[in-house]
N, C-alpha and C. Protein backbone atom coordinates (compact mmCIF):
# COMPACT_ATOMS: atom_id res chain seq x y z
N MET A 1 135.00 25.73 152.49
CA MET A 1 135.82 26.34 151.41
C MET A 1 137.29 26.09 151.51
N ASP A 2 137.70 26.38 152.75
CA ASP A 2 139.06 26.01 153.03
C ASP A 2 139.31 24.65 152.67
N LYS A 3 138.64 23.70 153.18
CA LYS A 3 138.89 22.37 153.04
C LYS A 3 138.87 21.88 151.43
N LEU A 4 138.07 22.20 150.58
CA LEU A 4 138.08 22.45 149.31
C LEU A 4 139.17 23.03 148.56
N ALA A 5 139.50 24.09 148.97
CA ALA A 5 140.71 24.76 148.43
C ALA A 5 142.00 24.06 148.63
N ASP A 6 141.97 23.08 149.80
CA ASP A 6 143.15 22.39 149.95
C ASP A 6 143.38 21.08 149.38
N GLN A 7 142.35 20.73 148.33
CA GLN A 7 142.20 19.59 147.73
C GLN A 7 142.95 19.32 146.56
N ASP A 8 144.03 20.39 146.12
CA ASP A 8 144.38 20.23 144.83
C ASP A 8 143.41 20.32 143.58
N LEU A 9 142.44 20.94 143.66
CA LEU A 9 141.41 21.03 142.64
C LEU A 9 141.74 21.95 141.43
N ASP A 10 141.23 21.80 140.34
CA ASP A 10 141.61 22.62 139.04
C ASP A 10 141.00 23.89 139.20
N TYR A 11 139.83 24.01 139.75
CA TYR A 11 139.09 25.28 140.11
C TYR A 11 137.70 24.88 141.00
N LEU A 12 137.24 26.02 141.51
CA LEU A 12 136.21 25.95 142.30
C LEU A 12 134.86 26.89 141.55
N HIS A 13 133.89 26.03 141.10
CA HIS A 13 132.80 26.54 140.47
C HIS A 13 131.62 27.11 141.58
N ILE A 14 131.43 28.15 141.56
CA ILE A 14 130.63 28.94 142.40
C ILE A 14 129.72 29.32 141.73
N SER A 15 128.38 28.51 141.68
CA SER A 15 127.07 29.18 141.16
C SER A 15 126.11 29.30 142.26
N VAL A 16 125.85 30.86 142.10
CA VAL A 16 125.03 31.42 143.33
C VAL A 16 123.92 31.96 142.78
N GLY A 17 123.27 31.74 141.79
CA GLY A 17 122.02 32.66 141.19
C GLY A 17 122.39 33.83 140.42
N GLY A 18 123.17 34.76 141.13
CA GLY A 18 123.61 35.85 140.94
C GLY A 18 124.86 36.11 141.24
N PHE A 19 125.85 36.73 140.26
CA PHE A 19 127.01 36.74 140.48
C PHE A 19 127.40 37.98 141.43
N TRP A 20 126.59 38.80 141.67
CA TRP A 20 126.65 40.02 142.52
C TRP A 20 125.93 39.87 143.64
N ASN A 21 125.19 38.73 143.80
CA ASN A 21 124.23 38.68 145.24
C ASN A 21 125.04 38.58 146.58
N GLY A 22 124.62 39.17 147.54
CA GLY A 22 125.25 39.04 148.82
C GLY A 22 124.80 37.91 149.63
N SER A 23 125.07 38.19 150.85
CA SER A 23 124.81 37.01 151.89
C SER A 23 123.08 36.61 151.68
N ILE A 24 123.11 35.34 151.87
CA ILE A 24 121.54 34.88 152.06
C ILE A 24 121.01 34.91 153.63
N HIS A 25 122.31 35.11 154.18
CA HIS A 25 121.84 34.83 155.73
C HIS A 25 121.99 36.29 156.35
N GLU A 26 122.61 37.11 156.07
CA GLU A 26 122.82 38.52 156.54
C GLU A 26 122.55 39.49 155.73
N ASP A 27 121.27 40.28 156.15
CA ASP A 27 120.79 41.16 155.05
C ASP A 27 121.81 42.46 154.87
N ASN A 28 122.39 42.68 155.90
CA ASN A 28 123.51 44.14 155.95
C ASN A 28 124.70 43.63 155.19
N ASN A 29 124.85 42.36 154.70
CA ASN A 29 126.10 42.24 154.08
C ASN A 29 125.92 42.05 152.52
N GLN A 30 126.17 42.68 151.57
CA GLN A 30 125.75 42.74 150.38
C GLN A 30 126.87 42.38 149.45
N THR A 31 127.95 42.05 149.95
CA THR A 31 129.14 41.73 149.18
C THR A 31 129.07 40.57 148.47
N SER A 32 129.35 40.34 147.36
CA SER A 32 129.10 39.17 146.55
C SER A 32 129.64 38.11 146.98
N ARG A 33 128.96 36.92 146.94
CA ARG A 33 129.44 35.57 147.70
C ARG A 33 130.59 35.19 146.86
N VAL A 34 130.48 35.33 145.54
CA VAL A 34 131.56 34.81 144.58
C VAL A 34 132.91 35.70 144.94
N VAL A 35 132.62 36.82 145.14
CA VAL A 35 133.90 37.65 145.47
C VAL A 35 134.48 37.28 146.76
N MET A 36 133.54 37.01 147.74
CA MET A 36 134.01 36.88 149.13
C MET A 36 134.52 35.46 149.26
N ILE A 37 134.24 34.28 148.27
CA ILE A 37 134.88 33.06 148.22
C ILE A 37 136.12 33.33 147.50
N HIS A 38 136.37 34.11 146.49
CA HIS A 38 137.45 34.40 145.76
C HIS A 38 138.51 34.87 146.78
N GLU A 39 138.22 36.01 147.48
CA GLU A 39 138.99 36.53 148.37
C GLU A 39 139.54 35.66 149.46
N ARG A 40 138.86 34.61 149.99
CA ARG A 40 139.37 33.88 150.79
C ARG A 40 140.17 32.45 150.24
N VAL A 41 139.90 32.00 149.11
CA VAL A 41 140.82 30.90 148.89
C VAL A 41 141.28 31.10 147.23
N GLY A 42 141.02 32.23 146.82
CA GLY A 42 141.54 32.45 145.31
C GLY A 42 142.84 32.40 145.21
N ASP A 43 143.67 32.46 146.30
CA ASP A 43 145.27 32.45 146.20
C ASP A 43 145.64 30.81 146.14
N ARG A 44 144.98 30.18 146.50
CA ARG A 44 144.90 28.54 146.44
C ARG A 44 144.34 27.73 145.34
N VAL A 45 143.16 28.29 144.91
CA VAL A 45 142.43 27.50 143.83
C VAL A 45 141.87 28.47 143.09
N PRO A 46 141.69 28.63 141.66
CA PRO A 46 141.09 29.47 140.87
C PRO A 46 139.43 29.41 141.18
N VAL A 47 138.84 30.41 141.21
CA VAL A 47 137.22 30.45 141.41
C VAL A 47 136.93 30.77 140.21
N MET A 48 135.50 29.92 139.70
CA MET A 48 134.81 30.38 138.68
C MET A 48 133.49 30.91 138.83
N GLY A 49 133.30 31.97 138.73
CA GLY A 49 132.00 32.74 139.01
C GLY A 49 130.93 32.39 138.04
N VAL A 50 129.66 32.41 138.52
CA VAL A 50 128.64 31.85 137.82
C VAL A 50 127.30 32.70 138.24
N GLY A 51 126.55 33.05 137.29
CA GLY A 51 125.27 33.68 137.77
C GLY A 51 124.94 35.00 137.20
N MET A 52 124.29 34.94 136.29
CA MET A 52 123.43 36.11 135.57
C MET A 52 124.23 37.03 135.00
N LEU A 53 125.61 37.00 134.45
CA LEU A 53 126.30 37.95 134.04
C LEU A 53 125.87 37.87 132.56
N GLN A 54 125.41 38.72 131.97
CA GLN A 54 124.78 38.60 130.48
C GLN A 54 125.39 39.53 129.52
N THR A 55 126.05 40.67 130.02
CA THR A 55 126.73 41.47 128.85
C THR A 55 128.29 41.50 129.18
N PRO A 56 128.96 41.98 128.30
CA PRO A 56 130.32 41.98 128.37
C PRO A 56 130.88 42.89 129.48
N ASP A 57 130.06 44.19 129.50
CA ASP A 57 130.42 44.97 130.64
C ASP A 57 130.19 44.18 131.94
N GLU A 58 129.37 43.29 132.35
CA GLU A 58 129.26 42.57 133.31
C GLU A 58 130.27 41.62 133.56
N VAL A 59 130.55 40.80 132.50
CA VAL A 59 131.72 40.16 132.35
C VAL A 59 133.12 40.66 132.88
N MET A 60 133.15 41.90 132.34
CA MET A 60 134.59 42.46 132.36
C MET A 60 134.59 43.05 133.78
N LYS A 61 133.48 43.45 134.30
CA LYS A 61 133.49 43.95 135.90
C LYS A 61 133.98 42.77 136.73
N ALA A 62 133.55 41.46 136.51
CA ALA A 62 133.85 40.41 137.16
C ALA A 62 135.28 40.02 137.15
N PHE A 63 135.67 40.27 136.03
CA PHE A 63 137.18 39.90 135.67
C PHE A 63 138.11 40.86 136.59
N GLU A 64 137.72 42.05 136.35
CA GLU A 64 138.38 43.27 136.73
C GLU A 64 138.58 43.06 138.53
N ILE A 65 137.81 42.61 138.87
CA ILE A 65 137.76 42.22 140.50
C ILE A 65 138.41 41.35 141.00
N GLY A 66 139.13 40.44 140.01
CA GLY A 66 140.00 39.39 140.05
C GLY A 66 139.43 38.05 140.05
N VAL A 67 138.33 37.81 139.78
CA VAL A 67 137.83 36.43 139.62
C VAL A 67 138.32 36.07 138.22
N PRO A 68 138.96 34.99 138.18
CA PRO A 68 139.74 34.59 136.97
C PRO A 68 139.02 33.66 135.76
N LEU A 69 137.98 33.03 136.44
CA LEU A 69 137.34 32.39 135.48
C LEU A 69 135.66 32.57 135.65
N ILE A 70 134.93 32.93 134.41
CA ILE A 70 133.49 33.14 134.62
C ILE A 70 132.75 32.34 133.66
N ALA A 71 131.59 31.61 134.05
CA ALA A 71 131.12 30.77 133.24
C ALA A 71 129.79 31.56 132.61
N LEU A 72 129.42 31.29 131.34
CA LEU A 72 128.47 31.83 130.25
C LEU A 72 127.53 31.08 129.74
N TRP A 73 127.42 29.88 130.35
CA TRP A 73 126.86 28.89 129.57
C TRP A 73 125.25 29.11 129.42
N ARG A 74 124.50 29.71 130.10
CA ARG A 74 123.29 30.12 129.88
C ARG A 74 122.95 31.16 129.21
N GLU A 75 123.88 32.02 128.92
CA GLU A 75 123.99 33.14 128.15
C GLU A 75 124.31 32.65 126.69
N LEU A 76 125.07 31.76 126.52
CA LEU A 76 125.85 31.33 125.42
C LEU A 76 124.66 30.40 124.54
N ILE A 77 123.86 29.76 125.50
CA ILE A 77 122.68 28.97 124.90
C ILE A 77 121.56 29.78 124.60
N MET A 78 121.32 30.91 125.35
CA MET A 78 120.20 31.73 125.03
C MET A 78 120.45 32.58 123.73
N GLU A 79 121.75 32.87 123.71
CA GLU A 79 122.16 33.86 122.48
C GLU A 79 123.14 33.39 122.01
N THR A 80 123.28 32.31 121.10
CA THR A 80 124.29 31.39 120.21
C THR A 80 125.43 32.28 119.64
N GLN A 81 125.04 33.58 119.47
CA GLN A 81 126.09 34.36 118.72
C GLN A 81 126.73 35.50 119.88
N TRP A 82 126.53 35.05 121.11
CA TRP A 82 127.00 36.18 122.14
C TRP A 82 128.46 36.68 121.96
N VAL A 83 129.40 36.03 121.57
CA VAL A 83 130.69 36.28 121.38
C VAL A 83 130.95 37.28 120.14
N GLN A 84 130.16 36.78 119.09
CA GLN A 84 130.11 37.54 117.86
C GLN A 84 129.53 38.74 117.97
N LYS A 85 128.34 38.79 118.66
CA LYS A 85 127.50 40.18 118.71
C LYS A 85 128.11 41.16 119.51
N TYR A 86 128.88 40.48 120.70
CA TYR A 86 129.56 41.64 121.48
C TYR A 86 131.09 42.01 121.12
N LYS A 87 131.56 41.63 119.89
CA LYS A 87 132.79 41.91 119.50
C LYS A 87 132.93 43.53 119.46
N PRO A 88 134.15 44.09 120.32
CA PRO A 88 134.24 45.46 120.19
C PRO A 88 134.26 46.02 119.16
N VAL A 89 133.78 47.08 118.77
CA VAL A 89 133.81 48.08 117.89
C VAL A 89 135.02 48.69 117.70
N LYS A 90 135.65 49.48 118.80
CA LYS A 90 136.76 50.14 119.17
C LYS A 90 137.63 49.25 119.64
N LYS A 91 139.03 49.56 119.58
CA LYS A 91 140.12 48.88 120.43
C LYS A 91 140.31 48.90 121.49
N THR A 92 139.53 48.12 122.34
CA THR A 92 139.54 48.11 123.97
C THR A 92 139.86 46.79 124.33
N LYS A 93 139.94 46.57 125.66
CA LYS A 93 140.07 45.28 126.10
C LYS A 93 138.61 44.52 126.18
N SER A 94 138.65 43.41 125.62
CA SER A 94 137.40 42.69 125.30
C SER A 94 137.45 41.40 126.24
N VAL A 95 136.15 40.63 126.14
CA VAL A 95 136.16 39.61 126.87
C VAL A 95 137.09 38.45 126.17
N GLN A 96 137.39 38.64 124.93
CA GLN A 96 138.19 37.65 124.23
C GLN A 96 139.62 37.80 124.54
N HIS A 97 140.10 39.24 124.85
CA HIS A 97 141.20 39.38 125.50
C HIS A 97 141.52 38.60 126.74
N TYR A 98 140.71 38.72 127.70
CA TYR A 98 140.77 38.05 128.84
C TYR A 98 140.84 36.47 128.78
N LEU A 99 140.02 36.13 127.53
CA LEU A 99 139.87 34.61 127.55
C LEU A 99 141.32 33.98 126.76
N LYS A 100 141.87 34.87 126.12
CA LYS A 100 143.33 34.74 125.43
C LYS A 100 144.41 34.68 126.63
N LYS A 101 143.94 35.81 127.41
CA LYS A 101 145.07 35.94 128.56
C LYS A 101 145.28 34.66 129.66
N ILE A 102 144.05 34.06 129.77
CA ILE A 102 144.27 32.90 130.67
C ILE A 102 144.20 31.58 129.88
N LYS A 103 144.39 31.75 128.42
CA LYS A 103 144.61 30.80 127.58
C LYS A 103 143.58 29.66 127.72
N ILE A 104 142.29 30.07 127.40
CA ILE A 104 141.22 29.41 127.35
C ILE A 104 141.18 28.81 125.79
N THR A 105 140.81 27.55 125.54
CA THR A 105 140.87 26.90 124.31
C THR A 105 139.67 26.18 124.16
N GLY A 106 139.51 25.87 123.00
CA GLY A 106 138.23 25.07 122.59
C GLY A 106 137.03 25.77 122.32
N TYR A 107 135.84 25.24 122.37
CA TYR A 107 134.63 25.69 121.95
C TYR A 107 133.93 26.20 123.20
N PHE A 108 133.26 27.31 122.76
CA PHE A 108 132.14 27.79 124.09
C PHE A 108 131.12 28.45 123.40
């Protein structure tokens, strides 16, 4: 990861099957692999976390721990109205708030 982080990349796309899954080598280490990578190289290159984040609460939790980019392609393919379906009923921070905060533009 360190070599990749030092290559002037736009971001690192970390797809690990399940965003919150821990080590596949150490049974006693259940820290999310995405989080571990973000903690190691996130100050040099933005990390995009991928893997079974299906609800806004799950996405918000991922944003709140500091991972700046989240991919939702599978969820958006399965539920084409995902963004509209999960618009907040009350005024709270939303996924859209975070997307605007990091200035994501275009279609998704």
